[in-house]
PDB file of all heavy atoms in Angstrom:
ATOM      1  N   GLU A   1      23.728   9.605   1.092  1.00  0.00           N
ATOM      2  CA  GLU A   1      22.646   8.628   1.064  1.00  0.00           C
ATOM      3  C   GLU A   1      21.412   9.227   0.385  1.00  0.00           C
ATOM      4  O   GLU A   1      21.192  10.439   0.403  1.00  0.00           O
ATOM      5  CB  GLU A   1      22.286   8.166   2.473  1.00  0.00           C
ATOM      6  CG  GLU A   1      23.389   7.353   3.125  1.00  0.00           C
ATOM      7  CD  GLU A   1      22.968   6.769   4.454  1.00  0.00           C
ATOM      8  OE1 GLU A   1      22.255   7.447   5.208  1.00  0.00           O
ATOM      9  OE2 GLU A   1      23.377   5.626   4.757  1.00  0.00           O
ATOM     10  N   VAL A   2      20.604   8.334  -0.190  1.00  0.00           N
ATOM     11  CA  VAL A   2      19.386   8.750  -0.883  1.00  0.00           C
ATOM     12  C   VAL A   2      18.228   8.843   0.108  1.00  0.00           C
ATOM     13  O   VAL A   2      18.018   7.943   0.925  1.00  0.00           O
ATOM     14  CB  VAL A   2      19.020   7.746  -2.000  1.00  0.00           C
ATOM     15  CG1 VAL A   2      17.630   8.037  -2.551  1.00  0.00           C
ATOM     16  CG2 VAL A   2      20.039   7.817  -3.124  1.00  0.00           C
ATOM     17  N   HIS A   3      17.491   9.933  -0.004  1.00  0.00           N
ATOM     18  CA  HIS A   3      16.272  10.123   0.781  1.00  0.00           C
ATOM     19  C   HIS A   3      15.109  10.288  -0.192  1.00  0.00           C
ATOM     20  O   HIS A   3      15.155  11.147  -1.079  1.00  0.00           O
ATOM     21  CB  HIS A   3      16.379  11.357   1.671  1.00  0.00           C
ATOM     22  CG  HIS A   3      17.355  11.205   2.790  1.00  0.00           C
ATOM     23  ND1 HIS A   3      16.969  11.177   4.113  1.00  0.00           N
ATOM     24  CD2 HIS A   3      18.710  11.069   2.788  1.00  0.00           C
ATOM     25  CE1 HIS A   3      18.041  11.019   4.874  1.00  0.00           C
ATOM     26  NE2 HIS A   3      19.108  10.961   4.099  1.00  0.00           N
ATOM     27  N   ILE A   4      14.093   9.463  -0.040  1.00  0.00           N
ATOM     28  CA  ILE A   4      12.896   9.530  -0.881  1.00  0.00           C
ATOM     29  C   ILE A   4      11.717   9.967  -0.010  1.00  0.00           C
ATOM     30  O   ILE A   4      11.520   9.427   1.082  1.00  0.00           O
ATOM     31  CB  ILE A   4      12.584   8.167  -1.524  1.00  0.00           C
ATOM     32  CG1 ILE A   4      13.735   7.720  -2.426  1.00  0.00           C
ATOM     33  CG2 ILE A   4      11.273   8.224  -2.307  1.00  0.00           C
ATOM     34  CD1 ILE A   4      13.635   6.271  -2.876  1.00  0.00           C
ATOM     35  N   LEU A   5      10.980  10.949  -0.485  1.00  0.00           N
ATOM     36  CA  LEU A   5       9.779  11.391   0.210  1.00  0.00           C
ATOM     37  C   LEU A   5       8.565  11.077  -0.656  1.00  0.00           C
ATOM     38  O   LEU A   5       8.489  11.523  -1.798  1.00  0.00           O
ATOM     39  CB  LEU A   5       9.831  12.889   0.487  1.00  0.00           C
ATOM     40  CG  LEU A   5      11.001  13.404   1.319  1.00  0.00           C
ATOM     41  CD1 LEU A   5      10.938  14.925   1.432  1.00  0.00           C
ATOM     42  CD2 LEU A   5      11.017  12.768   2.712  1.00  0.00           C
ATOM     43  N   ILE A   6       7.671  10.296  -0.128  1.00  0.00           N
ATOM     44  CA  ILE A   6       6.381  10.054  -0.770  1.00  0.00           C
ATOM     45  C   ILE A   6       5.352  10.836   0.047  1.00  0.00           C
ATOM     46  O   ILE A   6       4.945  10.417   1.131  1.00  0.00           O
ATOM     47  CB  ILE A   6       6.030   8.558  -0.838  1.00  0.00           C
ATOM     48  CG1 ILE A   6       7.121   7.779  -1.598  1.00  0.00           C
ATOM     49  CG2 ILE A   6       4.667   8.360  -1.477  1.00  0.00           C
ATOM     50  CD1 ILE A   6       7.256   8.168  -3.058  1.00  0.00           C
ATOM     51  N   ILE A   7       4.993  11.989  -0.463  1.00  0.00           N
ATOM     52  CA  ILE A   7       4.072  12.892   0.220  1.00  0.00           C
ATOM     53  C   ILE A   7       2.666  12.560  -0.268  1.00  0.00           C
ATOM     54  O   ILE A   7       2.328  12.805  -1.425  1.00  0.00           O
ATOM     55  CB  ILE A   7       4.448  14.358  -0.068  1.00  0.00           C
ATOM     56  CG1 ILE A   7       5.875  14.634   0.434  1.00  0.00           C
ATOM     57  CG2 ILE A   7       3.447  15.320   0.564  1.00  0.00           C
ATOM     58  CD1 ILE A   7       6.448  15.966  -0.009  1.00  0.00           C
ATOM     59  N   THR A   8       1.874  11.964   0.588  1.00  0.00           N
ATOM     60  CA  THR A   8       0.585  11.419   0.172  1.00  0.00           C
ATOM     61  C   THR A   8      -0.512  12.488   0.193  1.00  0.00           C
ATOM     62  O   THR A   8      -0.306  13.619   0.645  1.00  0.00           O
ATOM     63  CB  THR A   8       0.169  10.246   1.080  1.00  0.00           C
ATOM     64  OG1 THR A   8      -0.202  10.756   2.370  1.00  0.00           O
ATOM     65  CG2 THR A   8       1.313   9.251   1.235  1.00  0.00           C
ATOM     66  N   ASP A   9      -1.686  12.070  -0.242  1.00  0.00           N
ATOM     67  CA  ASP A   9      -2.853  12.955  -0.233  1.00  0.00           C
ATOM     68  C   ASP A   9      -3.273  13.357   1.177  1.00  0.00           C
ATOM     69  O   ASP A   9      -4.050  14.299   1.352  1.00  0.00           O
ATOM     70  CB  ASP A   9      -4.035  12.274  -0.932  1.00  0.00           C
ATOM     71  CG  ASP A   9      -3.819  12.134  -2.427  1.00  0.00           C
ATOM     72  OD1 ASP A   9      -3.207  13.033  -3.017  1.00  0.00           O
ATOM     73  OD2 ASP A   9      -4.253  11.119  -2.998  1.00  0.00           O
ATOM     74  N   GLU A  10      -2.751  12.650   2.185  1.00  0.00           N
ATOM     75  CA  GLU A  10      -3.055  13.016   3.570  1.00  0.00           C
ATOM     76  C   GLU A  10      -2.379  14.325   3.974  1.00  0.00           C
ATOM     77  O   GLU A  10      -2.821  14.990   4.915  1.00  0.00           O
ATOM     78  CB  GLU A  10      -2.596  11.908   4.515  1.00  0.00           C
ATOM     79  CG  GLU A  10      -3.320  10.583   4.353  1.00  0.00           C
ATOM     80  CD  GLU A  10      -2.770   9.544   5.302  1.00  0.00           C
ATOM     81  OE1 GLU A  10      -2.466   9.895   6.469  1.00  0.00           O
ATOM     82  OE2 GLU A  10      -2.620   8.381   4.897  1.00  0.00           O
ATOM     83  N   HIS A  11      -1.270  14.663   3.295  1.00  0.00           N
ATOM     84  CA  HIS A  11      -0.517  15.872   3.635  1.00  0.00           C
ATOM     85  C   HIS A  11       0.008  16.527   2.351  1.00  0.00           C
ATOM     86  O   HIS A  11       1.216  16.596   2.133  1.00  0.00           O
ATOM     87  CB  HIS A  11       0.644  15.527   4.571  1.00  0.00           C
ATOM     88  CG  HIS A  11       1.290  16.708   5.203  1.00  0.00           C
ATOM     89  ND1 HIS A  11       1.986  16.643   6.377  1.00  0.00           N
ATOM     90  CD2 HIS A  11       1.345  18.022   4.830  1.00  0.00           C
ATOM     91  CE1 HIS A  11       2.445  17.834   6.696  1.00  0.00           C
ATOM     92  NE2 HIS A  11       2.080  18.676   5.764  1.00  0.00           N
ATOM     93  N   PRO A  12      -0.873  16.958   1.460  1.00  0.00           N
ATOM     94  CA  PRO A  12      -0.417  17.516   0.178  1.00  0.00           C
ATOM     95  C   PRO A  12       0.373  18.808   0.369  1.00  0.00           C
ATOM     96  O   PRO A  12       0.143  19.567   1.322  1.00  0.00           O
ATOM     97  CB  PRO A  12      -1.739  17.778  -0.563  1.00  0.00           C
ATOM     98  CG  PRO A  12      -2.748  17.974   0.518  1.00  0.00           C
ATOM     99  CD  PRO A  12      -2.334  17.049   1.629  1.00  0.00           C
ATOM    100  N   MET A  13       1.322  19.045  -0.531  1.00  0.00           N
ATOM    101  CA  MET A  13       2.188  20.215  -0.439  1.00  0.00           C
ATOM    102  C   MET A  13       2.398  20.841  -1.810  1.00  0.00           C
ATOM    103  O   MET A  13       2.438  20.131  -2.825  1.00  0.00           O
ATOM    104  CB  MET A  13       3.578  19.831   0.102  1.00  0.00           C
ATOM    105  CG  MET A  13       3.638  19.359   1.524  1.00  0.00           C
ATOM    106  SD  MET A  13       5.374  19.089   2.001  1.00  0.00           S
ATOM    107  CE  MET A  13       5.177  18.460   3.664  1.00  0.00           C
ATOM    108  N   ASP A  14       2.591  22.172  -1.836  1.00  0.00           N
ATOM    109  CA  ASP A  14       3.135  22.798  -3.035  1.00  0.00           C
ATOM    110  C   ASP A  14       4.657  22.710  -2.935  1.00  0.00           C
ATOM    111  O   ASP A  14       5.203  22.301  -1.896  1.00  0.00           O
ATOM    112  CB  ASP A  14       2.636  24.235  -3.203  1.00  0.00           C
ATOM    113  CG  ASP A  14       3.082  25.169  -2.080  1.00  0.00           C
ATOM    114  OD1 ASP A  14       4.243  25.071  -1.632  1.00  0.00           O
ATOM    115  OD2 ASP A  14       2.279  26.017  -1.658  1.00  0.00           O
ATOM    116  N   LEU A  15       5.354  23.096  -3.992  1.00  0.00           N
ATOM    117  CA  LEU A  15       6.802  22.878  -3.999  1.00  0.00           C
ATOM    118  C   LEU A  15       7.560  23.837  -3.090  1.00  0.00           C
ATOM    119  O   LEU A  15       8.683  23.539  -2.677  1.00  0.00           O
ATOM    120  CB  LEU A  15       7.341  22.935  -5.427  1.00  0.00           C
ATOM    121  CG  LEU A  15       7.083  21.666  -6.250  1.00  0.00           C
ATOM    122  CD1 LEU A  15       7.782  21.742  -7.595  1.00  0.00           C
ATOM    123  CD2 LEU A  15       7.524  20.402  -5.510  1.00  0.00           C
ATOM    124  N   TYR A  16       6.982  24.962  -2.750  1.00  0.00           N
ATOM    125  CA  TYR A  16       7.619  25.833  -1.757  1.00  0.00           C
ATOM    126  C   TYR A  16       7.579  25.170  -0.379  1.00  0.00           C
ATOM    127  O   TYR A  16       8.565  25.226   0.382  1.00  0.00           O
ATOM    128  CB  TYR A  16       6.922  27.197  -1.719  1.00  0.00           C
ATOM    129  CG  TYR A  16       7.202  28.046  -2.931  1.00  0.00           C
ATOM    130  CD1 TYR A  16       6.265  28.146  -3.956  1.00  0.00           C
ATOM    131  CD2 TYR A  16       8.401  28.741  -3.076  1.00  0.00           C
ATOM    132  CE1 TYR A  16       6.515  28.915  -5.087  1.00  0.00           C
ATOM    133  CE2 TYR A  16       8.668  29.512  -4.192  1.00  0.00           C
ATOM    134  CZ  TYR A  16       7.719  29.599  -5.198  1.00  0.00           C
ATOM    135  OH  TYR A  16       7.975  30.357  -6.318  1.00  0.00           O
ATOM    136  N   GLU A  17       6.475  24.522  -0.064  1.00  0.00           N
ATOM    137  CA  GLU A  17       6.375  23.782   1.194  1.00  0.00           C
ATOM    138  C   GLU A  17       7.309  22.576   1.191  1.00  0.00           C
ATOM    139  O   GLU A  17       7.922  22.248   2.216  1.00  0.00           O
ATOM    140  CB  GLU A  17       4.930  23.346   1.419  1.00  0.00           C
ATOM    141  CG  GLU A  17       3.975  24.501   1.676  1.00  0.00           C
ATOM    142  CD  GLU A  17       2.515  24.076   1.660  1.00  0.00           C
ATOM    143  OE1 GLU A  17       2.144  23.221   0.816  1.00  0.00           O
ATOM    144  OE2 GLU A  17       1.755  24.596   2.485  1.00  0.00           O
ATOM    145  N   VAL A  18       7.423  21.931   0.041  1.00  0.00           N
ATOM    146  CA  VAL A  18       8.354  20.805  -0.073  1.00  0.00           C
ATOM    147  C   VAL A  18       9.783  21.273   0.175  1.00  0.00           C
ATOM    148  O   VAL A  18      10.557  20.617   0.881  1.00  0.00           O
ATOM    149  CB  VAL A  18       8.249  20.143  -1.462  1.00  0.00           C
ATOM    150  CG1 VAL A  18       9.374  19.126  -1.661  1.00  0.00           C
ATOM    151  CG2 VAL A  18       6.897  19.458  -1.627  1.00  0.00           C
ATOM    152  N   GLN A  19      10.143  22.413  -0.386  1.00  0.00           N
ATOM    153  CA  GLN A  19      11.491  22.938  -0.172  1.00  0.00           C
ATOM    154  C   GLN A  19      11.756  23.183   1.308  1.00  0.00           C
ATOM    155  O   GLN A  19      12.818  22.818   1.835  1.00  0.00           O
ATOM    156  CB  GLN A  19      11.700  24.235  -0.957  1.00  0.00           C
ATOM    157  CG  GLN A  19      13.135  24.753  -0.875  1.00  0.00           C
ATOM    158  CD  GLN A  19      13.315  26.100  -1.552  1.00  0.00           C
ATOM    159  OE1 GLN A  19      12.564  27.032  -1.289  1.00  0.00           O
ATOM    160  NE2 GLN A  19      14.313  26.200  -2.425  1.00  0.00           N
ATOM    161  N   ASP A  20      10.805  23.788   2.006  1.00  0.00           N
ATOM    162  CA  ASP A  20      10.962  24.028   3.449  1.00  0.00           C
ATOM    163  C   ASP A  20      11.114  22.709   4.204  1.00  0.00           C
ATOM    164  O   ASP A  20      11.936  22.596   5.129  1.00  0.00           O
ATOM    165  CB  ASP A  20       9.764  24.807   3.995  1.00  0.00           C
ATOM    166  CG  ASP A  20       9.735  26.257   3.527  1.00  0.00           C
ATOM    167  OD1 ASP A  20      10.797  26.766   3.114  1.00  0.00           O
ATOM    168  OD2 ASP A  20       8.653  26.868   3.578  1.00  0.00           O
ATOM    169  N   TYR A  21      10.337  21.707   3.814  1.00  0.00           N
ATOM    170  CA  TYR A  21      10.394  20.404   4.490  1.00  0.00           C
ATOM    171  C   TYR A  21      11.760  19.746   4.259  1.00  0.00           C
ATOM    172  O   TYR A  21      12.354  19.171   5.183  1.00  0.00           O
ATOM    173  CB  TYR A  21       9.270  19.518   3.970  1.00  0.00           C
ATOM    174  CG  TYR A  21       9.055  18.265   4.773  1.00  0.00           C
ATOM    175  CD1 TYR A  21       8.341  18.292   5.956  1.00  0.00           C
ATOM    176  CD2 TYR A  21       9.573  17.044   4.345  1.00  0.00           C
ATOM    177  CE1 TYR A  21       8.143  17.134   6.710  1.00  0.00           C
ATOM    178  CE2 TYR A  21       9.382  15.890   5.083  1.00  0.00           C
ATOM    179  CZ  TYR A  21       8.671  15.941   6.263  1.00  0.00           C
ATOM    180  OH  TYR A  21       8.493  14.799   7.002  1.00  0.00           O
ATOM    181  N   CYS A  22      12.268  19.835   3.034  1.00  0.00           N
ATOM    182  CA  CYS A  22      13.586  19.251   2.725  1.00  0.00           C
ATOM    183  C   CYS A  22      14.691  19.952   3.512  1.00  0.00           C
ATOM    184  O   CYS A  22      15.656  19.316   3.958  1.00  0.00           O
ATOM    185  CB  CYS A  22      13.861  19.350   1.229  1.00  0.00           C
ATOM    186  SG  CYS A  22      12.851  18.249   0.201  1.00  0.00           S
ATOM    187  N   LYS A  23      14.567  21.258   3.694  1.00  0.00           N
ATOM    188  CA  LYS A  23      15.557  21.996   4.489  1.00  0.00           C
ATOM    189  C   LYS A  23      15.535  21.529   5.934  1.00  0.00           C
ATOM    190  O   LYS A  23      16.590  21.372   6.570  1.00  0.00           O
ATOM    191  CB  LYS A  23      15.271  23.494   4.407  1.00  0.00           C
ATOM    192  CG  LYS A  23      15.631  24.136   3.084  1.00  0.00           C
ATOM    193  CD  LYS A  23      15.281  25.620   3.082  1.00  0.00           C
ATOM    194  CE  LYS A  23      15.647  26.282   1.762  1.00  0.00           C
ATOM    195  NZ  LYS A  23      15.292  27.730   1.745  1.00  0.00           N
ATOM    196  N   LYS A  24      14.337  21.290   6.486  1.00  0.00           N
ATOM    197  CA  LYS A  24      14.221  20.823   7.863  1.00  0.00           C
ATOM    198  C   LYS A  24      14.869  19.459   8.040  1.00  0.00           C
ATOM    199  O   LYS A  24      15.408  19.143   9.104  1.00  0.00           O
ATOM    200  CB  LYS A  24      12.756  20.766   8.274  1.00  0.00           C
ATOM    201  CG  LYS A  24      12.110  22.140   8.464  1.00  0.00           C
ATOM    202  CD  LYS A  24      10.653  22.016   8.828  1.00  0.00           C
ATOM    203  CE  LYS A  24       9.996  23.390   8.943  1.00  0.00           C
ATOM    204  NZ  LYS A  24       8.540  23.291   9.244  1.00  0.00           N
ATOM    205  N   LEU A  25      14.819  18.635   6.996  1.00  0.00           N
ATOM    206  CA  LEU A  25      15.453  17.308   7.046  1.00  0.00           C
ATOM    207  C   LEU A  25      16.965  17.387   6.858  1.00  0.00           C
ATOM    208  O   LEU A  25      17.659  16.388   7.026  1.00  0.00           O
ATOM    209  CB  LEU A  25      14.856  16.401   5.961  1.00  0.00           C
ATOM    210  CG  LEU A  25      13.401  15.979   6.139  1.00  0.00           C
ATOM    211  CD1 LEU A  25      12.941  15.172   4.930  1.00  0.00           C
ATOM    212  CD2 LEU A  25      13.197  15.180   7.420  1.00  0.00           C
ATOM    213  N   GLY A  26      17.455  18.558   6.487  1.00  0.00           N
ATOM    214  CA  GLY A  26      18.895  18.723   6.283  1.00  0.00           C
ATOM    215  C   GLY A  26      19.397  18.181   4.962  1.00  0.00           C
ATOM    216  O   GLY A  26      20.604  17.926   4.814  1.00  0.00           O
ATOM    217  N   LEU A  27      18.502  18.009   3.985  1.00  0.00           N
ATOM    218  CA  LEU A  27      18.944  17.514   2.683  1.00  0.00           C
ATOM    219  C   LEU A  27      19.846  18.543   2.015  1.00  0.00           C
ATOM    220  O   LEU A  27      19.626  19.749   2.117  1.00  0.00           O
ATOM    221  CB  LEU A  27      17.743  17.202   1.787  1.00  0.00           C
ATOM    222  CG  LEU A  27      16.745  16.172   2.307  1.00  0.00           C
ATOM    223  CD1 LEU A  27      15.714  15.854   1.228  1.00  0.00           C
ATOM    224  CD2 LEU A  27      17.431  14.899   2.772  1.00  0.00           C
ATOM    225  N   GLU A  28      20.857  18.048   1.330  1.00  0.00           N
ATOM    226  CA  GLU A  28      21.800  18.937   0.650  1.00  0.00           C
ATOM    227  C   GLU A  28      21.328  19.270  -0.762  1.00  0.00           C
ATOM    228  O   GLU A  28      21.514  20.396  -1.242  1.00  0.00           O
ATOM    229  CB  GLU A  28      23.177  18.257   0.608  1.00  0.00           C
ATOM    230  CG  GLU A  28      23.754  18.015   1.995  1.00  0.00           C
ATOM    231  CD  GLU A  28      24.631  16.784   2.063  1.00  0.00           C
ATOM    232  OE1 GLU A  28      24.891  16.168   1.008  1.00  0.00           O
ATOM    233  OE2 GLU A  28      25.057  16.436   3.179  1.00  0.00           O
ATOM    234  N   ARG A  29      20.758  18.279  -1.422  1.00  0.00           N
ATOM    235  CA  ARG A  29      20.173  18.459  -2.750  1.00  0.00           C
ATOM    236  C   ARG A  29      18.856  17.702  -2.797  1.00  0.00           C
ATOM    237  O   ARG A  29      18.693  16.682  -2.133  1.00  0.00           O
ATOM    238  CB  ARG A  29      21.105  17.958  -3.863  1.00  0.00           C
ATOM    239  CG  ARG A  29      22.331  18.846  -4.070  1.00  0.00           C
ATOM    240  CD  ARG A  29      23.123  18.453  -5.306  1.00  0.00           C
ATOM    241  NE  ARG A  29      24.157  19.429  -5.574  1.00  0.00           N
ATOM    242  CZ  ARG A  29      24.012  20.512  -6.309  1.00  0.00           C
ATOM    243  NH1 ARG A  29      22.840  20.757  -6.873  1.00  0.00           N
ATOM    244  NH2 ARG A  29      25.004  21.358  -6.503  1.00  0.00           N
ATOM    245  N   ALA A  30      17.935  18.209  -3.604  1.00  0.00           N
ATOM    246  CA  ALA A  30      16.656  17.525  -3.744  1.00  0.00           C
ATOM    247  C   ALA A  30      16.013  17.936  -5.057  1.00  0.00           C
ATOM    248  O   ALA A  30      16.288  19.015  -5.595  1.00  0.00           O
ATOM    249  CB  ALA A  30      15.723  17.859  -2.577  1.00  0.00           C
ATOM    250  N   MET A  31      15.174  17.060  -5.579  1.00  0.00           N
ATOM    251  CA  MET A  31      14.456  17.322  -6.818  1.00  0.00           C
ATOM    252  C   MET A  31      13.127  16.577  -6.776  1.00  0.00           C
ATOM    253  O   MET A  31      12.920  15.690  -5.948  1.00  0.00           O
ATOM    254  CB  MET A  31      15.259  16.866  -8.040  1.00  0.00           C
ATOM    255  CG  MET A  31      15.551  15.382  -8.062  1.00  0.00           C
ATOM    256  SD  MET A  31      16.231  14.776  -9.624  1.00  0.00           S
ATOM    257  CE  MET A  31      14.749  14.743 -10.644  1.00  0.00           C
ATOM    258  N   ALA A  32      12.242  16.961  -7.669  1.00  0.00           N
ATOM    259  CA  ALA A  32      10.942  16.296  -7.769  1.00  0.00           C
ATOM    260  C   ALA A  32      10.935  15.319  -8.937  1.00  0.00           C
ATOM    261  O   ALA A  32      11.581  15.560  -9.958  1.00  0.00           O
ATOM    262  CB  ALA A  32       9.831  17.326  -7.956  1.00  0.00           C
ATOM    263  N   PHE A  33      10.217  14.231  -8.758  1.00  0.00           N
ATOM    264  CA  PHE A  33       9.782  13.407  -9.875  1.00  0.00           C
ATOM    265  C   PHE A  33       8.331  13.792 -10.170  1.00  0.00           C
ATOM    266  O   PHE A  33       7.784  14.713  -9.566  1.00  0.00           O
ATOM    267  CB  PHE A  33       9.910  11.919  -9.543  1.00  0.00           C
ATOM    268  CG  PHE A  33      11.314  11.384  -9.633  1.00  0.00           C
ATOM    269  CD1 PHE A  33      11.792  10.481  -8.679  1.00  0.00           C
ATOM    270  CD2 PHE A  33      12.160  11.762 -10.660  1.00  0.00           C
ATOM    271  CE1 PHE A  33      13.081   9.983  -8.767  1.00  0.00           C
ATOM    272  CE2 PHE A  33      13.459  11.275 -10.754  1.00  0.00           C
ATOM    273  CZ  PHE A  33      13.917  10.375  -9.800  1.00  0.00           C
ATOM    274  N   ASP A  34       7.713  13.115 -11.107  1.00  0.00           N
ATOM    275  CA  ASP A  34       6.305  13.355 -11.386  1.00  0.00           C
ATOM    276  C   ASP A  34       5.513  13.152 -10.090  1.00  0.00           C
ATOM    277  O   ASP A  34       5.837  12.279  -9.283  1.00  0.00           O
ATOM    278  CB  ASP A  34       5.832  12.383 -12.469  1.00  0.00           C
ATOM    279  CG  ASP A  34       4.475  12.753 -13.032  1.00  0.00           C
ATOM    280  OD1 ASP A  34       3.929  13.806 -12.671  1.00  0.00           O
ATOM    281  OD2 ASP A  34       3.958  11.963 -13.848  1.00  0.00           O
ATOM    282  N   GLY A  35       4.480  13.966  -9.893  1.00  0.00           N
ATOM    283  CA  GLY A  35       3.725  13.889  -8.649  1.00  0.00           C
ATOM    284  C   GLY A  35       2.233  13.840  -8.898  1.00  0.00           C
ATOM    285  O   GLY A  35       1.783  13.331  -9.927  1.00  0.00           O
TER     286      GLY A  35
END
């Protein structure tokens, strides 16, 4: 299944933090679009 994360200005992240967050969600693969 597809999981989309819209990380708003209320909780900004760098991509290392995004990677940690995706791991906590148990995602198997993930990538960024323009942000």
